[in-house]
Amino acid sequence: MASVIIVGGGPGGYVAAIRAAQLGLAVTLVEREWLGGVCLNWGCIPTKALLRNAEVLSLFKHAKDWGVTMEKLTADYGSAFDRSRQVSDKLVKGIQFLMKKNKITVVEGAGKLVAPNTVQVGAKKLTADHVILAVGARPRLFPGMVADGKRLVTSRAALLENRDAPKSLVILGGGAIGCEFAYIYNQYGAKVTLVELQPHLLPLEDPESSTVLEKAYQKEGIELMLGCGYVSHEIGAKGVKVKVKTPQGEKTVEAERMLVALGISPNTEELGLEAVGVKTERGFIQVDEQMRTNIPGVWAIGDCNGRSGLAHVASAQGVVAVETIAGHHPPALRYEDMPRCTYCHPQVASLGLTEAQAKERGFDVKVGRFPLAANGKALALGDATGQVKVVVDGKYGEVLGVHMVGPDVTELLPEFGLARTAEATVTEFEYSVHAHPTLSEALHEAVLSAQGIALHI
């Protein structure tokens, strides 16, 4: 029986461990902190719980729209925080159960690679035929920044320590993390200023989606400083002064707290990579399409290899790695087709190519759009801000990408994910019947729009 040691118990590591056990491998999982990693403990899951609380609060604020009269609305952020911790704890216990169910040996402690097939954990030396590194990443800070967890915080402190909502907040970074926290804290009464160096929020998304989100945020009173860069900050007894470079010159923004959401740095410094000879670039472990490093028997998955910073991609990479180890031949992941989701309100979801990317690659591009203002279910929900945009190859009819913004659009992505996997064309979409009334009808209509035959606009 082949054996594998997995260093890191996040979404990449624990999923790889379960799949390896299913394939008959002897599995040891090393975790230094909590099973579930960042995602379950202080990332994806608690953030989504807080976002749900914020959405419910927003509904209460607009009770009159639903014919409901309320007086003296109060909102306790501490209770929302506690609920988010309960949700996380429940899922972590679920992972612990899955480890026992699949007879996976869990070793607590920080693992260090001391040979291609050997991992040291404290005084113990563990050996196996293969080692999979799944050590994840942490929030990135500018040089000289020190997160004290009170005035200057990252998502970790915000989700594990800060049980209060600040009265004012500056967020550096308009990516998914920054946008999600902006929505949460704004709903709980914070004056939020969101600083992003690029011209749009969510700069990796289609600009049309970003523009819809920007208008929604400005309507909610969130101040956007787009095309503006961080210069410096000063922490005082009562808050933070942040100096920002704007097109009109430098400006100082004062707030009770600053949240830094600038991306991630890999947790690879103390891993023993140099001694073993594992190649890295900017700290990220270099791998091939099956997650092999340059050292035989050493593999790397998830955030630490730099291919993607998404939990579901880490899980998929883990499956690719262990299935390859077990002698299977899983297909290589197509990273442009990995689902991309931002769970603020309105939500933003996409996969595949943007319109600009498709044109750069020489496709005969056709674009279809369908506004949610024309979708019956969205109107019934009282939440019709947004649209579905599809990018289609005019020559063969292949659906190249989808870009959505609106209520619960993250739940609509799987249809396009399957379409991309199956290389579906507009024909399959055209003759696929979507239930009425549903938000999914907007997907059908957007594809019809790309052919000039939309029915409801």
Protein backbone atom coordinates (compact mmCIF):
# COMPACT_ATOMS: atom_id res chain seq x y z
CA MET A 1 0.00 0.00 0.00
CA ALA A 2 1.42 3.33 -1.06
CA SER A 3 1.58 5.99 1.61
CA VAL A 4 1.24 9.77 1.62
CA ILE A 5 1.84 12.55 4.14
CA ILE A 6 -0.20 15.70 3.63
CA VAL A 7 1.09 18.84 5.34
CA GLY A 8 -1.84 21.18 5.92
CA GLY A 9 -5.47 20.40 6.72
CA GLY A 10 -7.28 23.14 4.80
CA PRO A 11 -9.68 22.59 1.87
CA GLY A 12 -6.82 21.31 -0.26
CA GLY A 13 -5.24 19.06 2.35
CA TYR A 14 -8.28 17.48 3.97
CA VAL A 15 -10.00 16.80 0.63
CA ALA A 16 -6.78 15.26 -0.71
CA ALA A 17 -6.60 13.10 2.43
CA ILE A 18 -10.16 11.84 2.02
CA ARG A 19 -9.73 11.05 -1.67
CA ALA A 20 -6.38 9.35 -1.02
CA ALA A 21 -8.00 7.15 1.63
CA GLN A 22 -10.80 6.26 -0.80
CA LEU A 23 -8.13 5.18 -3.29
CA GLY A 24 -6.53 2.86 -0.76
CA LEU A 25 -3.50 4.95 0.22
CA ALA A 26 -2.22 5.08 3.79
CA VAL A 27 -2.72 8.71 4.79
CA THR A 28 -1.21 10.92 7.47
CA LEU A 29 -2.44 14.50 7.73
CA VAL A 30 -0.31 17.08 9.56
CA GLU A 31 -2.04 20.27 10.77
CA ARG A 32 -0.45 22.95 12.95
CA GLU A 33 -3.60 24.84 13.89
CA TRP A 34 -7.17 23.82 12.95
CA LEU A 35 -8.57 21.32 10.51
CA GLY A 36 -10.43 23.17 7.78
CA GLY A 37 -7.66 25.75 7.43
CA VAL A 38 -8.34 29.38 6.63
CA CYS A 39 -11.55 28.69 4.73
CA LEU A 40 -13.53 27.06 7.50
CA ASN A 41 -11.98 28.90 10.44
CA TRP A 42 -11.31 32.50 9.43
CA GLY A 43 -12.12 32.83 5.75
CA CYS A 44 -14.89 31.66 3.46
CA ILE A 45 -17.32 30.19 5.97
CA PRO A 46 -17.47 32.76 8.80
CA THR A 47 -17.51 35.56 6.21
CA LYS A 48 -20.54 34.05 4.51
CA ALA A 49 -22.31 33.72 7.85
CA LEU A 50 -21.68 37.40 8.57
CA LEU A 51 -22.83 38.33 5.07
CA ARG A 52 -26.08 36.50 5.66
CA ASN A 53 -26.61 38.46 8.86
CA ALA A 54 -25.94 41.68 6.95
CA GLU A 55 -28.43 40.71 4.25
CA VAL A 56 -31.12 39.99 6.85
CA LEU A 57 -30.40 43.34 8.49
CA SER A 58 -30.76 45.04 5.10
CA LEU A 59 -34.17 43.41 4.65
CA PHE A 60 -35.28 44.76 8.03
CA LYS A 61 -34.10 48.24 7.06
CA HIS A 62 -36.35 48.07 4.01
CA ALA A 63 -39.31 46.51 5.82
CA LYS A 64 -41.70 49.16 4.44
CA ASP A 65 -41.08 47.84 0.94
CA TRP A 66 -42.67 44.57 2.08
CA GLY A 67 -45.59 46.15 3.87
CA VAL A 68 -44.03 45.59 7.28
CA THR A 69 -43.83 48.36 9.86
CA MET A 70 -41.01 48.34 12.41
CA GLU A 71 -39.93 50.60 15.22
CA LYS A 72 -36.59 50.92 17.00
CA LEU A 73 -34.61 48.51 14.84
CA THR A 74 -31.42 47.42 16.62
CA ALA A 75 -28.63 45.20 15.37
CA ASP A 76 -26.07 43.44 17.57
CA TYR A 77 -22.90 42.72 15.61
CA GLY A 78 -21.55 40.67 18.50
CA SER A 79 -24.41 38.19 18.08
CA ALA A 80 -23.71 37.97 14.35
CA PHE A 81 -20.04 37.34 15.12
CA ASP A 82 -20.96 34.58 17.59
CA ARG A 83 -23.20 32.92 15.01
CA SER A 84 -20.37 32.94 12.47
CA ARG A 85 -18.14 31.17 14.98
CA GLN A 86 -20.82 28.55 15.65
CA VAL A 87 -21.16 27.82 11.94
CA SER A 88 -17.38 27.44 11.61
CA ASP A 89 -17.08 25.23 14.67
CA LYS A 90 -19.81 22.91 13.40
CA LEU A 91 -18.03 22.42 10.09
CA VAL A 92 -14.63 21.88 11.72
CA LYS A 93 -16.15 19.13 13.87
CA GLY A 94 -17.52 17.65 10.67
CA ILE A 95 -14.00 17.48 9.21
CA GLN A 96 -12.75 15.80 12.38
CA PHE A 97 -15.46 13.18 11.95
CA LEU A 98 -14.50 12.64 8.31
CA MET A 99 -10.89 12.03 9.31
CA LYS A 100 -11.98 9.26 11.69
CA LYS A 101 -14.47 7.83 9.20
CA ASN A 102 -11.78 7.51 6.53
CA LYS A 103 -9.15 6.17 8.99
CA ILE A 104 -6.80 9.09 8.38
CA THR A 105 -4.06 9.61 10.95
CA VAL A 106 -4.01 13.25 12.09
CA VAL A 107 -0.82 14.63 13.61
CA GLU A 108 -0.94 18.01 15.33
CA GLY A 109 1.99 20.35 14.82
CA ALA A 110 3.96 22.25 12.20
CA GLY A 111 5.43 20.00 9.53
CA LYS A 112 8.85 20.60 7.98
CA LEU A 113 10.27 18.82 4.96
CA VAL A 114 13.67 17.31 5.89
CA ALA A 115 13.93 14.89 2.93
CA PRO A 116 11.77 14.21 -0.14
CA ASN A 117 9.88 11.50 1.75
CA THR A 118 10.29 12.75 5.34
CA VAL A 119 8.39 15.33 7.36
CA GLN A 120 9.46 16.39 10.83
CA VAL A 121 6.76 17.40 13.31
CA GLY A 122 8.33 18.46 16.59
CA ALA A 123 10.50 15.53 17.68
CA LYS A 124 8.72 13.09 15.34
CA LYS A 125 9.94 12.12 11.87
CA LEU A 126 7.25 10.81 9.55
CA THR A 127 8.07 9.01 6.32
CA ALA A 128 5.96 8.10 3.31
CA ASP A 129 6.23 7.36 -0.40
CA HIS A 130 4.83 10.82 -1.22
CA VAL A 131 4.53 14.18 0.52
CA ILE A 132 1.86 16.70 -0.47
CA LEU A 133 2.42 20.25 0.72
CA ALA A 134 -0.84 22.07 1.37
CA VAL A 135 0.35 24.77 3.74
CA GLY A 136 -1.83 27.58 2.37
CA ALA A 137 -1.18 31.29 2.66
CA ARG A 138 -1.80 34.31 4.89
CA PRO A 139 -2.92 37.89 4.30
CA ARG A 140 -0.28 40.00 2.59
CA LEU A 141 0.87 43.26 4.15
CA PHE A 142 2.91 46.12 2.76
CA PRO A 143 6.54 46.19 4.01
CA GLY A 144 6.71 47.71 7.47
CA MET A 145 3.06 47.07 8.28
CA VAL A 146 2.30 45.31 11.55
CA ALA A 147 -1.22 44.03 12.15
CA ASP A 148 -2.01 44.61 15.82
CA GLY A 149 -5.49 43.11 15.59
CA LYS A 150 -7.10 46.31 16.92
CA ARG A 151 -6.37 49.33 14.71
CA LEU A 152 -4.67 47.61 11.77
CA VAL A 153 -6.31 44.27 11.08
CA THR A 154 -6.45 41.54 8.48
CA SER A 155 -9.32 39.17 7.76
CA ARG A 156 -7.97 36.83 10.45
CA ALA A 157 -8.47 39.29 13.30
CA ALA A 158 -11.74 40.50 11.81
CA LEU A 159 -13.16 36.97 11.88
CA LEU A 160 -11.52 35.56 15.00
CA GLU A 161 -11.03 38.50 17.36
CA ASN A 162 -13.01 41.64 16.49
CA ARG A 163 -16.44 41.02 17.97
CA ASP A 164 -17.40 44.65 17.38
CA ALA A 165 -18.19 46.63 14.26
CA PRO A 166 -16.11 49.83 14.08
CA LYS A 167 -17.80 53.21 13.68
CA SER A 168 -15.51 53.92 10.73
CA LEU A 169 -13.25 51.76 8.61
CA VAL A 170 -10.71 52.13 5.82
CA ILE A 171 -10.26 49.03 3.67
CA LEU A 172 -7.15 48.67 1.52
CA GLY A 173 -7.95 46.48 -1.45
CA GLY A 174 -11.11 46.23 -3.54
CA GLY A 175 -10.90 42.53 -4.31
CA ALA A 176 -13.35 39.90 -3.04
CA ILE A 177 -12.28 40.11 0.61
CA GLY A 178 -12.34 43.90 0.72
CA CYS A 179 -15.73 44.11 -0.98
CA GLU A 180 -17.31 41.52 1.29
CA PHE A 181 -16.15 43.23 4.49
CA ALA A 182 -17.21 46.61 3.11
CA TYR A 183 -20.78 45.34 2.74
CA ILE A 184 -20.86 43.68 6.16
CA TYR A 185 -19.56 46.63 8.16
CA ASN A 186 -21.57 49.17 6.17
CA GLN A 187 -24.80 47.37 7.02
CA TYR A 188 -23.84 47.49 10.70
CA GLY A 189 -23.42 51.26 10.59
CA ALA A 190 -19.72 51.76 9.88
CA LYS A 191 -18.62 54.60 7.64
CA VAL A 192 -16.61 52.59 5.11
CA THR A 193 -13.95 53.94 2.75
CA LEU A 194 -12.73 51.40 0.21
CA VAL A 195 -9.36 52.11 -1.45
CA GLU A 196 -8.41 50.28 -4.66
CA LEU A 197 -5.38 50.97 -6.85
CA GLN A 198 -7.08 49.81 -10.06
CA PRO A 199 -9.85 51.78 -11.81
CA HIS A 200 -12.55 49.32 -10.69
CA LEU A 201 -13.56 47.16 -7.75
CA LEU A 202 -12.92 43.47 -8.36
CA PRO A 203 -10.31 44.31 -11.01
CA LEU A 204 -10.12 40.71 -12.28
CA GLU A 205 -13.82 40.69 -13.14
CA ASP A 206 -15.51 41.98 -16.27
CA PRO A 207 -15.71 45.80 -15.93
CA GLU A 208 -19.46 45.72 -16.53
CA SER A 209 -19.97 43.61 -13.40
CA SER A 210 -17.65 45.86 -11.40
CA THR A 211 -19.54 48.97 -12.50
CA VAL A 212 -22.86 47.55 -11.30
CA LEU A 213 -21.30 46.75 -7.91
CA GLU A 214 -19.74 50.19 -7.63
CA LYS A 215 -23.06 51.93 -8.21
CA ALA A 216 -24.75 49.69 -5.64
CA TYR A 217 -22.06 50.43 -3.05
CA GLN A 218 -22.22 54.16 -3.61
CA LYS A 219 -25.99 53.99 -3.18
CA GLU A 220 -25.39 52.27 0.18
CA GLY A 221 -23.09 55.10 1.25
CA ILE A 222 -19.75 53.31 0.86
CA GLU A 223 -17.05 55.76 -0.21
CA LEU A 224 -14.99 54.42 -3.11
CA MET A 225 -11.47 55.66 -3.80
CA LEU A 226 -10.71 53.96 -7.12
CA GLY A 227 -7.43 54.44 -8.92
CA CYS A 228 -5.93 55.45 -5.57
CA GLY A 229 -2.90 53.97 -3.83
CA TYR A 230 -1.82 53.55 -0.23
CA VAL A 231 1.09 55.79 0.81
CA SER A 232 1.44 55.44 4.58
CA HIS A 233 -0.49 55.22 7.82
CA GLU A 234 -0.25 56.42 11.38
CA ILE A 235 -1.84 54.62 14.32
CA GLY A 236 -3.04 56.72 17.24
CA ALA A 237 -4.96 56.16 20.45
CA LYS A 238 -8.32 56.71 18.78
CA GLY A 239 -7.78 55.33 15.31
CA VAL A 240 -5.77 55.31 12.11
CA LYS A 241 -4.79 58.06 9.69
CA VAL A 242 -4.21 56.69 6.21
CA LYS A 243 -2.46 58.72 3.56
CA VAL A 244 -3.73 57.89 0.07
CA LYS A 245 -2.43 59.00 -3.32
CA THR A 246 -5.31 60.14 -5.53
CA PRO A 247 -5.32 61.62 -9.06
CA GLN A 248 -5.86 65.00 -7.38
CA GLY A 249 -2.98 64.59 -4.93
CA GLU A 250 -2.49 63.03 -1.51
CA LYS A 251 -5.43 62.78 0.86
CA THR A 252 -5.61 61.64 4.49
CA VAL A 253 -8.49 59.44 5.55
CA GLU A 254 -9.17 58.98 9.25
CA ALA A 255 -10.98 55.96 10.68
CA GLU A 256 -11.30 53.90 13.82
CA ARG A 257 -9.80 50.87 12.10
CA MET A 258 -7.98 49.86 8.91
CA LEU A 259 -8.52 46.47 7.30
CA VAL A 260 -5.83 45.31 4.88
CA ALA A 261 -7.07 43.04 2.06
CA LEU A 262 -4.19 43.05 -0.44
CA GLY A 263 -4.00 39.40 -1.39
CA ILE A 264 -1.95 36.55 0.05
CA SER A 265 1.60 35.46 0.87
CA PRO A 266 2.43 31.71 0.86
CA ASN A 267 3.29 29.96 4.14
CA THR A 268 6.47 28.44 2.77
CA GLU A 269 9.31 30.16 4.69
CA GLU A 270 9.77 27.54 7.43
CA LEU A 271 8.91 24.51 5.34
CA GLY A 272 12.45 23.30 4.57
CA LEU A 273 12.08 23.74 0.82
CA GLU A 274 15.57 25.08 0.16
CA ALA A 275 17.28 22.22 1.95
CA VAL A 276 15.41 19.67 -0.14
CA GLY A 277 15.75 21.67 -3.36
CA VAL A 278 12.10 22.40 -4.09
CA LYS A 279 11.82 25.27 -6.56
CA THR A 280 9.83 28.36 -5.65
CA GLU A 281 9.04 31.70 -7.25
CA ARG A 282 8.25 34.65 -4.98
CA GLY A 283 7.70 32.06 -2.26
CA PHE A 284 5.14 30.04 -4.23
CA ILE A 285 6.02 26.38 -4.88
CA GLN A 286 6.35 25.61 -8.59
CA VAL A 287 4.30 22.64 -9.84
CA ASP A 288 3.26 20.99 -13.08
CA GLU A 289 -0.31 20.26 -14.18
CA GLN A 290 -0.53 17.23 -11.86
CA MET A 291 0.84 19.23 -8.87
CA ARG A 292 4.32 17.65 -8.93
CA THR A 293 7.23 19.78 -7.80
CA ASN A 294 10.69 19.42 -9.33
CA ILE A 295 11.57 16.89 -6.59
CA PRO A 296 10.14 13.39 -7.23
CA GLY A 297 7.64 12.40 -4.56
CA VAL A 298 6.97 15.98 -3.42
CA TRP A 299 3.72 17.64 -4.47
CA ALA A 300 2.12 21.01 -3.69
CA ILE A 301 -1.53 22.05 -3.81
CA GLY A 302 -3.64 25.06 -2.94
CA ASP A 303 -2.62 28.62 -2.16
CA CYS A 304 1.04 27.72 -1.61
CA ASN A 305 1.58 26.90 -5.30
CA GLY A 306 0.25 30.23 -6.53
CA ARG A 307 -2.00 28.82 -9.26
CA SER A 308 -5.14 30.13 -7.56
CA GLY A 309 -6.23 31.55 -4.22
CA LEU A 310 -9.61 29.79 -4.16
CA ALA A 311 -10.62 27.05 -1.72
CA HIS A 312 -12.49 24.97 -4.30
CA VAL A 313 -9.49 25.05 -6.61
CA ALA A 314 -7.28 23.80 -3.77
CA SER A 315 -9.68 20.88 -3.28
CA ALA A 316 -9.65 20.11 -7.01
CA GLN A 317 -5.85 20.23 -7.06
CA GLY A 318 -5.75 17.83 -4.12
CA VAL A 319 -7.89 15.33 -6.03
CA VAL A 320 -5.66 15.66 -9.11
CA ALA A 321 -2.53 15.03 -7.04
CA VAL A 322 -3.71 11.94 -5.15
CA GLU A 323 -5.41 10.40 -8.18
CA THR A 324 -2.15 10.79 -10.09
CA ILE A 325 -0.25 9.21 -7.20
CA ALA A 326 -2.72 6.30 -7.26
CA GLY A 327 -2.06 5.70 -10.96
CA HIS A 328 -5.15 7.39 -12.35
CA HIS A 329 -5.07 9.98 -15.12
CA PRO A 330 -7.24 12.92 -14.07
CA PRO A 331 -7.57 15.75 -16.60
CA ALA A 332 -5.54 18.89 -15.97
CA LEU A 333 -7.47 21.77 -14.43
CA ARG A 334 -8.43 24.66 -16.68
CA TYR A 335 -7.93 27.58 -14.33
CA GLU A 336 -9.81 30.10 -16.42
CA ASP A 337 -12.88 27.89 -16.03
CA MET A 338 -12.71 27.75 -12.25
CA PRO A 339 -15.75 29.48 -10.66
CA ARG A 340 -15.01 32.97 -9.28
CA CYS A 341 -17.42 34.25 -6.64
CA THR A 342 -17.75 37.37 -4.51
CA TYR A 343 -20.55 37.10 -1.96
CA CYS A 344 -21.29 40.75 -1.21
CA HIS A 345 -24.62 42.25 -2.22
CA PRO A 346 -25.19 42.21 -5.12
CA GLN A 347 -23.14 39.07 -5.64
CA VAL A 348 -20.61 38.80 -8.46
CA ALA A 349 -19.90 35.48 -10.18
CA SER A 350 -17.99 34.48 -13.29
CA LEU A 351 -16.01 31.82 -15.09
CA GLY A 352 -14.30 31.50 -18.44
CA LEU A 353 -13.06 34.39 -20.57
CA THR A 354 -14.03 38.03 -20.34
CA GLU A 355 -15.04 39.82 -23.50
CA ALA A 356 -11.63 41.50 -23.69
CA GLN A 357 -9.75 38.21 -23.18
CA ALA A 358 -11.77 36.48 -25.88
CA LYS A 359 -11.00 39.25 -28.36
CA GLU A 360 -7.30 39.15 -27.47
CA ARG A 361 -7.28 35.44 -28.32
CA GLY A 362 -8.75 36.08 -31.73
CA PHE A 363 -12.25 34.69 -31.26
CA ASP A 364 -15.14 36.00 -33.33
CA VAL A 365 -16.80 37.37 -30.22
CA LYS A 366 -20.52 37.71 -29.73
CA VAL A 367 -21.90 39.05 -26.47
CA GLY A 368 -25.32 38.50 -24.94
CA ARG A 369 -26.77 40.41 -22.00
CA PHE A 370 -29.93 40.06 -19.99
CA PRO A 371 -30.86 42.57 -17.25
CA LEU A 372 -32.33 41.14 -14.06
CA ALA A 373 -34.82 44.03 -14.15
CA ALA A 374 -36.57 41.95 -16.84
CA ASN A 375 -36.52 38.72 -14.81
CA GLY A 376 -39.76 37.87 -13.03
CA LYS A 377 -38.16 36.05 -10.09
CA ALA A 378 -35.73 38.90 -9.42
CA LEU A 379 -38.59 41.40 -9.43
CA ALA A 380 -40.61 39.19 -7.09
CA LEU A 381 -37.63 39.05 -4.76
CA GLY A 382 -37.41 42.83 -4.82
CA ASP A 383 -33.79 42.43 -5.84
CA ALA A 384 -33.41 43.12 -9.56
CA THR A 385 -30.07 44.97 -9.66
CA GLY A 386 -27.63 43.33 -12.06
CA GLN A 387 -27.32 41.37 -15.26
CA VAL A 388 -26.08 38.19 -16.89
CA LYS A 389 -23.50 38.63 -19.62
CA VAL A 390 -22.24 35.77 -21.79
CA VAL A 391 -19.31 35.69 -24.19
CA VAL A 392 -19.76 33.39 -27.18
CA ASP A 393 -17.55 32.25 -30.05
CA GLY A 394 -19.44 33.39 -33.13
CA LYS A 395 -17.78 30.80 -35.36
CA TYR A 396 -18.61 27.59 -33.49
CA GLY A 397 -21.15 28.82 -30.95
CA GLU A 398 -19.12 27.72 -27.93
CA VAL A 399 -19.92 29.57 -24.73
CA LEU A 400 -16.56 31.05 -23.69
CA GLY A 401 -17.48 32.85 -20.47
CA VAL A 402 -20.19 34.18 -18.22
CA HIS A 403 -20.18 37.25 -15.99
CA MET A 404 -23.06 37.81 -13.58
CA VAL A 405 -23.95 40.33 -10.93
CA GLY A 406 -27.13 40.15 -8.88
CA PRO A 407 -28.92 38.20 -6.13
CA ASP A 408 -27.54 34.70 -5.49
CA VAL A 409 -25.81 34.57 -8.87
CA THR A 410 -23.02 32.47 -7.32
CA GLU A 411 -25.57 29.64 -7.22
CA LEU A 412 -26.09 29.92 -11.00
CA LEU A 413 -22.48 29.25 -12.00
CA PRO A 414 -22.59 25.41 -12.07
CA GLU A 415 -24.69 25.37 -15.24
CA PHE A 416 -21.95 27.25 -17.08
CA GLY A 417 -19.23 25.20 -15.38
CA LEU A 418 -20.78 22.04 -16.76
CA ALA A 419 -21.24 23.73 -20.13
CA ARG A 420 -17.56 24.63 -20.31
CA THR A 421 -16.52 21.11 -19.25
CA ALA A 422 -18.77 19.61 -21.93
CA GLU A 423 -17.79 22.29 -24.48
CA ALA A 424 -21.47 23.10 -24.91
CA THR A 425 -22.61 25.53 -27.58
CA VAL A 426 -25.45 28.01 -27.81
CA THR A 427 -27.58 25.26 -29.36
CA GLU A 428 -27.61 23.22 -26.15
CA PHE A 429 -28.57 26.32 -24.18
CA GLU A 430 -31.20 27.37 -26.70
CA TYR A 431 -33.11 24.10 -26.38
CA SER A 432 -32.58 23.64 -22.64
CA VAL A 433 -35.83 24.53 -20.85
CA HIS A 434 -35.44 26.60 -17.68
CA ALA A 435 -38.14 26.61 -15.02
CA HIS A 436 -40.30 29.71 -14.65
CA PRO A 437 -40.06 31.84 -12.65
CA THR A 438 -36.39 31.41 -11.71
CA LEU A 439 -33.27 33.50 -11.81
CA SER A 440 -31.78 30.83 -14.08
CA GLU A 441 -34.00 32.03 -16.91
CA ALA A 442 -31.64 34.99 -17.20
CA LEU A 443 -28.88 32.57 -18.25
CA HIS A 444 -31.03 31.21 -21.06
CA GLU A 445 -32.06 34.67 -22.19
CA ALA A 446 -28.46 35.97 -22.17
CA VAL A 447 -27.37 33.15 -24.49
CA LEU A 448 -30.35 33.83 -26.75
CA SER A 449 -29.36 37.51 -26.72
CA ALA A 450 -25.92 36.62 -28.06
CA GLN A 451 -27.73 35.18 -31.10
CA GLY A 452 -30.08 38.13 -31.42
CA ILE A 453 -33.15 36.08 -30.45
CA ALA A 454 -33.79 37.01 -26.80
CA LEU A 455 -37.47 36.61 -25.98
CA HIS A 456 -38.03 38.97 -23.08
CA ILE A 457 -36.06 42.10 -23.98
